[in-house]
């Protein structure tokens, strides 16, 4: 009887372990929006002044976390609004007084892709929907900016995607030629990583 119970326990542990190994964690950014040009100006000014937390006042999005068995079937999920993320970050900054951001980013930028895969979780962009309407009061500048952004996104995708499938990755930058600045952005994207890579995040 004891042997039978031990065998059952071992089988359960094995099944749970296999489920974890072949599971994935998905991060979904849903309906990320910047609604107008004035909001964009304020965001740029806040970044310039390093007032990063105030940026959330001009953003609208929902962040969704999913734990998926066999990388497909979600068994655990929850959503967080931009307000809750901003509130959480404010508390963390008060507690820890983070002052190493710029230095960490500088080190991060110097690492090549192979080194990043060794040291950081293997994030993969599963899908992307990106729509931007962009216009300045200068037609040449509008054309240059819209073309540049398109090129930057197309160059960045190979670093985030193992295999580019056009139906999953949609991005459109529309130049708007008017005599006044126009800007709005709407984006949704899904990132995933193997559940086993969560160890890299907390080691």
C-alpha atoms as a PDB file:
ATOM      1  CA  UNK A   1       0.000   0.000   0.000  1.00  0.00           C
ATOM      2  CA  UNK A   2       2.820   2.379   0.934  1.00  0.00           C
ATOM      3  CA  UNK A   3       4.622   1.550  -2.308  1.00  0.00           C
ATOM      4  CA  UNK A   4       1.454   2.288  -4.299  1.00  0.00           C
ATOM      5  CA  UNK A   5       1.025   5.676  -2.598  1.00  0.00           C
ATOM      6  CA  UNK A   6       4.682   6.531  -3.261  1.00  0.00           C
ATOM      7  CA  UNK A   7       4.289   5.565  -6.935  1.00  0.00           C
ATOM      8  CA  UNK A   8       1.192   7.759  -7.255  1.00  0.00           C
ATOM      9  CA  UNK A   9       3.016  10.676  -5.620  1.00  0.00           C
ATOM     10  CA  UNK A  10       5.986  10.234  -7.970  1.00  0.00           C
ATOM     11  CA  UNK A  11       3.696  10.080 -11.012  1.00  0.00           C
ATOM     12  CA  UNK A  12       1.901  13.257  -9.911  1.00  0.00           C
ATOM     13  CA  UNK A  13       5.227  15.043  -9.353  1.00  0.00           C
ATOM     14  CA  UNK A  14       6.443  13.868 -12.772  1.00  0.00           C
ATOM     15  CA  UNK A  15       3.271  15.062 -14.513  1.00  0.00           C
ATOM     16  CA  UNK A  16       3.433  18.464 -12.782  1.00  0.00           C
ATOM     17  CA  UNK A  17       7.127  18.795 -13.685  1.00  0.00           C
ATOM     18  CA  UNK A  18       6.479  17.954 -17.342  1.00  0.00           C
ATOM     19  CA  UNK A  19       3.586  20.409 -17.470  1.00  0.00           C
ATOM     20  CA  UNK A  20       5.859  23.128 -16.084  1.00  0.00           C
ATOM     21  CA  UNK A  21       8.699  22.333 -18.495  1.00  0.00           C
ATOM     22  CA  UNK A  22       6.373  22.480 -21.502  1.00  0.00           C
ATOM     23  CA  UNK A  23       4.444  25.520 -20.305  1.00  0.00           C
ATOM     24  CA  UNK A  24       4.795  29.162 -21.239  1.00  0.00           C
ATOM     25  CA  UNK A  25       4.179  32.512 -19.610  1.00  0.00           C
ATOM     26  CA  UNK A  26       2.476  35.089 -21.835  1.00  0.00           C
ATOM     27  CA  UNK A  27       2.443  38.835 -21.381  1.00  0.00           C
ATOM     28  CA  UNK A  28      -0.252  40.690 -23.317  1.00  0.00           C
ATOM     29  CA  UNK A  29      -0.270  44.440 -23.826  1.00  0.00           C
ATOM     30  CA  UNK A  30      -3.830  45.298 -24.835  1.00  0.00           C
ATOM     31  CA  UNK A  31      -5.028  48.525 -26.478  1.00  0.00           C
ATOM     32  CA  UNK A  32      -2.001  50.656 -25.699  1.00  0.00           C
ATOM     33  CA  UNK A  33      -3.035  54.178 -26.710  1.00  0.00           C
ATOM     34  CA  UNK A  34      -1.647  57.672 -27.036  1.00  0.00           C
ATOM     35  CA  UNK A  35      -4.592  59.695 -28.239  1.00  0.00           C
ATOM     36  CA  UNK A  36      -3.271  63.023 -29.477  1.00  0.00           C
ATOM     37  CA  UNK A  37      -0.264  65.163 -30.291  1.00  0.00           C
ATOM     38  CA  UNK A  38      -0.440  67.212 -27.076  1.00  0.00           C
ATOM     39  CA  UNK A  39      -0.166  64.037 -25.005  1.00  0.00           C
ATOM     40  CA  UNK A  40       2.875  62.986 -27.045  1.00  0.00           C
ATOM     41  CA  UNK A  41       4.549  66.358 -26.382  1.00  0.00           C
ATOM     42  CA  UNK A  42       3.963  65.978 -22.644  1.00  0.00           C
ATOM     43  CA  UNK A  43       5.344  62.417 -22.684  1.00  0.00           C
ATOM     44  CA  UNK A  44       8.500  63.534 -24.504  1.00  0.00           C
ATOM     45  CA  UNK A  45       8.988  66.377 -22.013  1.00  0.00           C
ATOM     46  CA  UNK A  46       8.565  64.018 -19.046  1.00  0.00           C
ATOM     47  CA  UNK A  47      11.119  61.589 -20.516  1.00  0.00           C
ATOM     48  CA  UNK A  48      13.516  64.490 -21.065  1.00  0.00           C
ATOM     49  CA  UNK A  49      13.064  65.563 -17.423  1.00  0.00           C
ATOM     50  CA  UNK A  50      13.330  61.927 -16.224  1.00  0.00           C
ATOM     51  CA  UNK A  51       9.861  62.089 -14.653  1.00  0.00           C
ATOM     52  CA  UNK A  52       9.022  58.623 -15.923  1.00  0.00           C
ATOM     53  CA  UNK A  53       6.144  57.750 -13.607  1.00  0.00           C
ATOM     54  CA  UNK A  54       4.108  60.776 -14.695  1.00  0.00           C
ATOM     55  CA  UNK A  55       4.051  59.333 -18.230  1.00  0.00           C
ATOM     56  CA  UNK A  56       1.315  56.932 -17.095  1.00  0.00           C
ATOM     57  CA  UNK A  57      -1.052  59.931 -16.804  1.00  0.00           C
ATOM     58  CA  UNK A  58      -1.037  60.159 -20.594  1.00  0.00           C
ATOM     59  CA  UNK A  59      -1.194  56.444 -21.436  1.00  0.00           C
ATOM     60  CA  UNK A  60      -4.093  54.043 -21.631  1.00  0.00           C
ATOM     61  CA  UNK A  61      -3.553  50.265 -21.698  1.00  0.00           C
ATOM     62  CA  UNK A  62      -4.227  46.931 -19.999  1.00  0.00           C
ATOM     63  CA  UNK A  63      -1.522  44.395 -19.178  1.00  0.00           C
ATOM     64  CA  UNK A  64      -2.558  40.717 -19.033  1.00  0.00           C
ATOM     65  CA  UNK A  65      -0.536  37.838 -17.604  1.00  0.00           C
ATOM     66  CA  UNK A  66      -1.254  34.186 -18.571  1.00  0.00           C
ATOM     67  CA  UNK A  67       0.282  30.880 -17.510  1.00  0.00           C
ATOM     68  CA  UNK A  68      -0.328  28.391 -20.343  1.00  0.00           C
ATOM     69  CA  UNK A  69       0.045  24.615 -20.114  1.00  0.00           C
ATOM     70  CA  UNK A  70       1.617  23.072 -23.224  1.00  0.00           C
ATOM     71  CA  UNK A  71       2.212  26.693 -24.305  1.00  0.00           C
ATOM     72  CA  UNK A  72      -1.403  26.949 -25.526  1.00  0.00           C
ATOM     73  CA  UNK A  73      -3.980  26.371 -22.767  1.00  0.00           C
ATOM     74  CA  UNK A  74      -4.261  29.192 -20.196  1.00  0.00           C
ATOM     75  CA  UNK A  75      -4.888  27.916 -16.663  1.00  0.00           C
ATOM     76  CA  UNK A  76      -4.081  31.130 -14.795  1.00  0.00           C
ATOM     77  CA  UNK A  77      -4.574  34.721 -15.878  1.00  0.00           C
ATOM     78  CA  UNK A  78      -5.073  38.198 -14.492  1.00  0.00           C
ATOM     79  CA  UNK A  79      -5.228  41.758 -15.804  1.00  0.00           C
ATOM     80  CA  UNK A  80      -3.577  44.935 -14.537  1.00  0.00           C
ATOM     81  CA  UNK A  81      -4.546  48.453 -15.611  1.00  0.00           C
ATOM     82  CA  UNK A  82      -2.043  51.225 -16.286  1.00  0.00           C
ATOM     83  CA  UNK A  83      -3.164  52.988 -13.073  1.00  0.00           C
ATOM     84  CA  UNK A  84      -2.347  49.951 -10.919  1.00  0.00           C
ATOM     85  CA  UNK A  85       1.068  49.533 -12.586  1.00  0.00           C
ATOM     86  CA  UNK A  86       1.861  53.209 -11.951  1.00  0.00           C
ATOM     87  CA  UNK A  87       0.777  52.873  -8.311  1.00  0.00           C
ATOM     88  CA  UNK A  88       2.918  49.755  -7.853  1.00  0.00           C
ATOM     89  CA  UNK A  89       6.001  51.415  -9.386  1.00  0.00           C
ATOM     90  CA  UNK A  90       5.597  54.470  -7.150  1.00  0.00           C
ATOM     91  CA  UNK A  91       5.591  52.257  -4.064  1.00  0.00           C
ATOM     92  CA  UNK A  92       8.660  50.362  -5.261  1.00  0.00           C
ATOM     93  CA  UNK A  93      10.571  53.565  -5.960  1.00  0.00           C
ATOM     94  CA  UNK A  94       9.779  54.875  -2.498  1.00  0.00           C
ATOM     95  CA  UNK A  95      10.945  51.631  -0.924  1.00  0.00           C
ATOM     96  CA  UNK A  96      14.138  51.051  -2.859  1.00  0.00           C
ATOM     97  CA  UNK A  97      15.046  54.469  -4.292  1.00  0.00           C
ATOM     98  CA  UNK A  98      16.196  52.981  -7.572  1.00  0.00           C
ATOM     99  CA  UNK A  99      19.104  55.021  -8.961  1.00  0.00           C
ATOM    100  CA  UNK A 100      20.815  52.499 -11.238  1.00  0.00           C
ATOM    101  CA  UNK A 101      18.456  52.660 -14.235  1.00  0.00           C
ATOM    102  CA  UNK A 102      20.746  54.516 -16.652  1.00  0.00           C
ATOM    103  CA  UNK A 103      23.794  52.424 -15.763  1.00  0.00           C
ATOM    104  CA  UNK A 104      21.845  49.169 -16.132  1.00  0.00           C
ATOM    105  CA  UNK A 105      20.460  50.265 -19.502  1.00  0.00           C
ATOM    106  CA  UNK A 106      23.947  51.163 -20.720  1.00  0.00           C
ATOM    107  CA  UNK A 107      25.270  47.716 -19.770  1.00  0.00           C
ATOM    108  CA  UNK A 108      22.219  46.067 -21.324  1.00  0.00           C
ATOM    109  CA  UNK A 109      22.721  47.902 -24.624  1.00  0.00           C
ATOM    110  CA  UNK A 110      26.321  46.672 -24.932  1.00  0.00           C
ATOM    111  CA  UNK A 111      25.369  42.997 -24.728  1.00  0.00           C
ATOM    112  CA  UNK A 112      24.957  41.207 -28.029  1.00  0.00           C
ATOM    113  CA  UNK A 113      22.005  38.964 -28.796  1.00  0.00           C
ATOM    114  CA  UNK A 114      23.785  35.690 -27.991  1.00  0.00           C
ATOM    115  CA  UNK A 115      24.864  36.907 -24.571  1.00  0.00           C
ATOM    116  CA  UNK A 116      21.363  38.161 -23.827  1.00  0.00           C
ATOM    117  CA  UNK A 117      19.925  34.731 -24.548  1.00  0.00           C
ATOM    118  CA  UNK A 118      22.321  33.199 -22.033  1.00  0.00           C
ATOM    119  CA  UNK A 119      21.635  35.678 -19.245  1.00  0.00           C
ATOM    120  CA  UNK A 120      18.048  36.787 -19.717  1.00  0.00           C
ATOM    121  CA  UNK A 121      14.678  35.157 -20.193  1.00  0.00           C
ATOM    122  CA  UNK A 122      13.996  34.131 -23.804  1.00  0.00           C
ATOM    123  CA  UNK A 123      11.173  36.516 -24.733  1.00  0.00           C
ATOM    124  CA  UNK A 124       9.453  35.961 -28.054  1.00  0.00           C
ATOM    125  CA  UNK A 125       6.997  38.336 -29.703  1.00  0.00           C
ATOM    126  CA  UNK A 126       4.014  36.182 -30.721  1.00  0.00           C
ATOM    127  CA  UNK A 127       1.822  38.850 -32.285  1.00  0.00           C
ATOM    128  CA  UNK A 128       1.756  42.572 -32.980  1.00  0.00           C
ATOM    129  CA  UNK A 129      -0.939  45.022 -34.063  1.00  0.00           C
ATOM    130  CA  UNK A 130       0.438  48.533 -34.401  1.00  0.00           C
ATOM    131  CA  UNK A 131      -1.334  51.510 -35.953  1.00  0.00           C
ATOM    132  CA  UNK A 132       0.090  55.018 -35.902  1.00  0.00           C
ATOM    133  CA  UNK A 133      -1.239  58.163 -37.536  1.00  0.00           C
ATOM    134  CA  UNK A 134       1.489  60.756 -37.743  1.00  0.00           C
ATOM    135  CA  UNK A 135       1.596  64.249 -39.131  1.00  0.00           C
ATOM    136  CA  UNK A 136       3.577  67.451 -38.696  1.00  0.00           C
ATOM    137  CA  UNK A 137       3.063  70.850 -40.269  1.00  0.00           C
ATOM    138  CA  UNK A 138       5.922  69.958 -42.652  1.00  0.00           C
ATOM    139  CA  UNK A 139       5.178  67.425 -45.412  1.00  0.00           C
ATOM    140  CA  UNK A 140       8.827  66.418 -45.899  1.00  0.00           C
ATOM    141  CA  UNK A 141       9.346  65.834 -42.178  1.00  0.00           C
ATOM    142  CA  UNK A 142       6.138  63.799 -41.975  1.00  0.00           C
ATOM    143  CA  UNK A 143       7.266  61.558 -44.816  1.00  0.00           C
ATOM    144  CA  UNK A 144      10.742  61.159 -43.299  1.00  0.00           C
ATOM    145  CA  UNK A 145       9.424  60.295 -39.814  1.00  0.00           C
ATOM    146  CA  UNK A 146       6.819  57.794 -41.012  1.00  0.00           C
ATOM    147  CA  UNK A 147       9.367  56.037 -43.238  1.00  0.00           C
ATOM    148  CA  UNK A 148      11.997  55.983 -40.473  1.00  0.00           C
ATOM    149  CA  UNK A 149       9.591  54.461 -37.930  1.00  0.00           C
ATOM    150  CA  UNK A 150       8.561  51.776 -40.415  1.00  0.00           C
ATOM    151  CA  UNK A 151      12.219  50.892 -41.048  1.00  0.00           C
ATOM    152  CA  UNK A 152      13.021  50.785 -37.306  1.00  0.00           C
ATOM    153  CA  UNK A 153      10.128  48.389 -36.601  1.00  0.00           C
ATOM    154  CA  UNK A 154      11.052  46.135 -39.533  1.00  0.00           C
ATOM    155  CA  UNK A 155      14.683  46.003 -38.323  1.00  0.00           C
ATOM    156  CA  UNK A 156      13.683  45.309 -34.699  1.00  0.00           C
ATOM    157  CA  UNK A 157      11.292  42.442 -35.456  1.00  0.00           C
ATOM    158  CA  UNK A 158      13.980  39.823 -36.316  1.00  0.00           C
ATOM    159  CA  UNK A 159      15.469  40.304 -32.830  1.00  0.00           C
ATOM    160  CA  UNK A 160      12.107  39.600 -31.178  1.00  0.00           C
ATOM    161  CA  UNK A 161      10.667  36.943 -33.480  1.00  0.00           C
ATOM    162  CA  UNK A 162      11.996  33.483 -34.310  1.00  0.00           C
ATOM    163  CA  UNK A 163       9.939  33.253 -37.497  1.00  0.00           C
ATOM    164  CA  UNK A 164       8.147  36.233 -39.031  1.00  0.00           C
ATOM    165  CA  UNK A 165       4.595  35.380 -40.132  1.00  0.00           C
ATOM    166  CA  UNK A 166       2.981  38.400 -41.848  1.00  0.00           C
ATOM    167  CA  UNK A 167      -0.527  37.581 -40.625  1.00  0.00           C
ATOM    168  CA  UNK A 168       0.632  37.803 -36.976  1.00  0.00           C
ATOM    169  CA  UNK A 169       2.701  40.985 -37.209  1.00  0.00           C
ATOM    170  CA  UNK A 170       0.802  43.977 -38.511  1.00  0.00           C
ATOM    171  CA  UNK A 171       2.214  47.476 -38.301  1.00  0.00           C
ATOM    172  CA  UNK A 172       1.029  50.521 -40.191  1.00  0.00           C
ATOM    173  CA  UNK A 173       2.339  54.067 -39.981  1.00  0.00           C
ATOM    174  CA  UNK A 174       0.077  56.483 -41.824  1.00  0.00           C
ATOM    175  CA  UNK A 175       1.517  59.894 -42.767  1.00  0.00           C
ATOM    176  CA  UNK A 176      -1.103  62.638 -42.364  1.00  0.00           C
ATOM    177  CA  UNK A 177      -0.478  65.723 -44.453  1.00  0.00           C
ATOM    178  CA  UNK A 178      -2.239  68.666 -42.801  1.00  0.00           C
ATOM    179  CA  UNK A 179      -1.136  72.129 -41.723  1.00  0.00           C
ATOM    180  CA  UNK A 180      -1.137  71.098 -38.034  1.00  0.00           C
ATOM    181  CA  UNK A 181       0.522  68.322 -35.991  1.00  0.00           C
ATOM    182  CA  UNK A 182      -1.451  65.062 -35.713  1.00  0.00           C
ATOM    183  CA  UNK A 183      -0.568  61.998 -33.674  1.00  0.00           C
ATOM    184  CA  UNK A 184      -2.326  58.943 -32.311  1.00  0.00           C
ATOM    185  CA  UNK A 185      -1.188  55.423 -31.601  1.00  0.00           C
ATOM    186  CA  UNK A 186      -2.988  52.165 -30.889  1.00  0.00           C
ATOM    187  CA  UNK A 187      -1.014  48.967 -30.275  1.00  0.00           C
ATOM    188  CA  UNK A 188      -1.520  45.466 -28.913  1.00  0.00           C
ATOM    189  CA  UNK A 189       1.155  42.788 -28.584  1.00  0.00           C
ATOM    190  CA  UNK A 190       1.758  39.389 -27.017  1.00  0.00           C
ATOM    191  CA  UNK A 191       5.116  38.262 -25.607  1.00  0.00           C
ATOM    192  CA  UNK A 192       5.797  34.751 -24.348  1.00  0.00           C
ATOM    193  CA  UNK A 193       8.644  32.947 -22.645  1.00  0.00           C
ATOM    194  CA  UNK A 194       9.163  29.344 -21.471  1.00  0.00           C
ATOM    195  CA  UNK A 195       7.979  28.858 -17.898  1.00  0.00           C
ATOM    196  CA  UNK A 196      11.403  27.468 -16.998  1.00  0.00           C
ATOM    197  CA  UNK A 197      12.966  30.833 -17.888  1.00  0.00           C
ATOM    198  CA  UNK A 198      11.273  32.454 -14.912  1.00  0.00           C
ATOM    199  CA  UNK A 199      14.239  31.125 -12.900  1.00  0.00           C
ATOM    200  CA  UNK A 200      16.494  33.545 -14.818  1.00  0.00           C
ATOM    201  CA  UNK A 201      14.390  36.472 -13.684  1.00  0.00           C
ATOM    202  CA  UNK A 202      14.784  35.722  -9.989  1.00  0.00           C
ATOM    203  CA  UNK A 203      18.291  34.276  -9.730  1.00  0.00           C
END
